[in-house]
C-alpha atoms as a PDB file:
ATOM      1  CA  MET A   1      21.725  -6.740  25.398  1.00  0.00           C
ATOM      2  CA  LEU A   2      18.352  -7.824  24.036  1.00  0.00           C
ATOM      3  CA  THR A   3      15.997  -5.088  22.861  1.00  0.00           C
ATOM      4  CA  LEU A   4      12.303  -5.910  22.457  1.00  0.00           C
ATOM      5  CA  PRO A   5      10.765  -5.248  20.122  1.00  0.00           C
ATOM      6  CA  HIS A   6      13.744  -5.502  17.806  1.00  0.00           C
ATOM      7  CA  PRO A   7      14.755  -2.033  16.488  1.00  0.00           C
ATOM      8  CA  ARG A   8      14.156  -3.143  12.878  1.00  0.00           C
ATOM      9  CA  ALA A   9      11.078  -5.307  13.474  1.00  0.00           C
ATOM     10  CA  HIS A  10       9.125  -2.958  11.183  1.00  0.00           C
ATOM     11  CA  GLU A  11      11.383  -4.060   8.277  1.00  0.00           C
ATOM     12  CA  ARG A  12      10.916  -7.789   8.813  1.00  0.00           C
ATOM     13  CA  ASP A  13       8.119  -9.669   7.069  1.00  0.00           C
ATOM     14  CA  PHE A  14       8.903 -12.780   9.120  1.00  0.00           C
ATOM     15  CA  VAL A  15       8.220 -10.757  12.285  1.00  0.00           C
ATOM     16  CA  LEU A  16       5.188  -8.759  11.154  1.00  0.00           C
ATOM     17  CA  ARG A  17       3.157 -11.451   9.394  1.00  0.00           C
ATOM     18  CA  PRO A  18       2.863 -13.915  12.307  1.00  0.00           C
ATOM     19  CA  TRP A  19       2.412 -11.012  14.739  1.00  0.00           C
ATOM     20  CA  LEU A  20      -0.538  -9.779  12.676  1.00  0.00           C
ATOM     21  CA  THR A  21      -2.009 -13.285  12.600  1.00  0.00           C
ATOM     22  CA  ALA A  22      -1.739 -13.565  16.385  1.00  0.00           C
ATOM     23  CA  ASP A  23      -3.102 -10.053  17.012  1.00  0.00           C
ATOM     24  CA  PRO A  24      -4.879  -8.273  14.134  1.00  0.00           C
ATOM     25  CA  HIS A  25      -4.939  -5.020  16.153  1.00  0.00           C
ATOM     26  CA  ALA A  26      -1.259  -5.040  17.147  1.00  0.00           C
ATOM     27  CA  GLU A  27       0.814  -1.870  17.158  1.00  0.00           C
ATOM     28  CA  LEU A  28       4.573  -1.533  17.159  1.00  0.00           C
ATOM     29  CA  PRO A  29       5.481   1.226  19.626  1.00  0.00           C
ATOM     30  CA  GLY A  30       6.860   4.254  17.835  1.00  0.00           C
ATOM     31  CA  ARG A  31       6.094   2.798  14.385  1.00  0.00           C
ATOM     32  CA  GLY A  32       2.342   2.241  14.120  1.00  0.00           C
ATOM     33  CA  ARG A  33      -0.096  -0.527  13.340  1.00  0.00           C
ATOM     34  CA  VAL A  34       1.389  -3.842  12.291  1.00  0.00           C
ATOM     35  CA  ASP A  35      -1.077  -4.247   9.394  1.00  0.00           C
ATOM     36  CA  GLU A  36      -0.040  -0.854   7.973  1.00  0.00           C
ATOM     37  CA  LEU A  37       3.660  -1.627   8.403  1.00  0.00           C
ATOM     38  CA  LEU A  38       3.189  -4.911   6.573  1.00  0.00           C
ATOM     39  CA  ASP A  39       1.267  -3.188   3.766  1.00  0.00           C
ATOM     40  CA  ALA A  40       4.098  -0.666   3.384  1.00  0.00           C
ATOM     41  CA  LEU A  41       6.682  -3.433   3.364  1.00  0.00           C
ATOM     42  CA  ASP A  42       4.709  -5.363   0.726  1.00  0.00           C
ATOM     43  CA  ALA A  43       4.415  -2.208  -1.415  1.00  0.00           C
ATOM     44  CA  GLY A  44       8.175  -1.714  -1.180  1.00  0.00           C
ATOM     45  CA  HIS A  45       8.768  -5.258  -2.420  1.00  0.00           C
ATOM     46  CA  GLU A  46       6.459  -4.655  -5.380  1.00  0.00           C
ATOM     47  CA  LEU A  47       8.599  -1.654  -6.317  1.00  0.00           C
ATOM     48  CA  GLY A  48      11.789  -3.686  -6.016  1.00  0.00           C
ATOM     49  CA  GLY A  49      12.841  -2.141  -2.719  1.00  0.00           C
ATOM     50  CA  GLY A  50      12.374  -2.939   0.935  1.00  0.00           C
ATOM     51  CA  ALA A  51      14.119  -5.346   3.247  1.00  0.00           C
ATOM     52  CA  ALA A  52      13.311  -8.983   3.806  1.00  0.00           C
END
């Protein structure tokens, strides 16, 4: 079964970055704004955590 959006899309830079480029006001249902999710993911990488 295919689930869209992917359940872990909020953890995937390669999903969020192009999505934000295509739609700067995008929101991931149940998770929030794509720009904020990407900022949080980037902050996690700076701290040595987060998922790629």
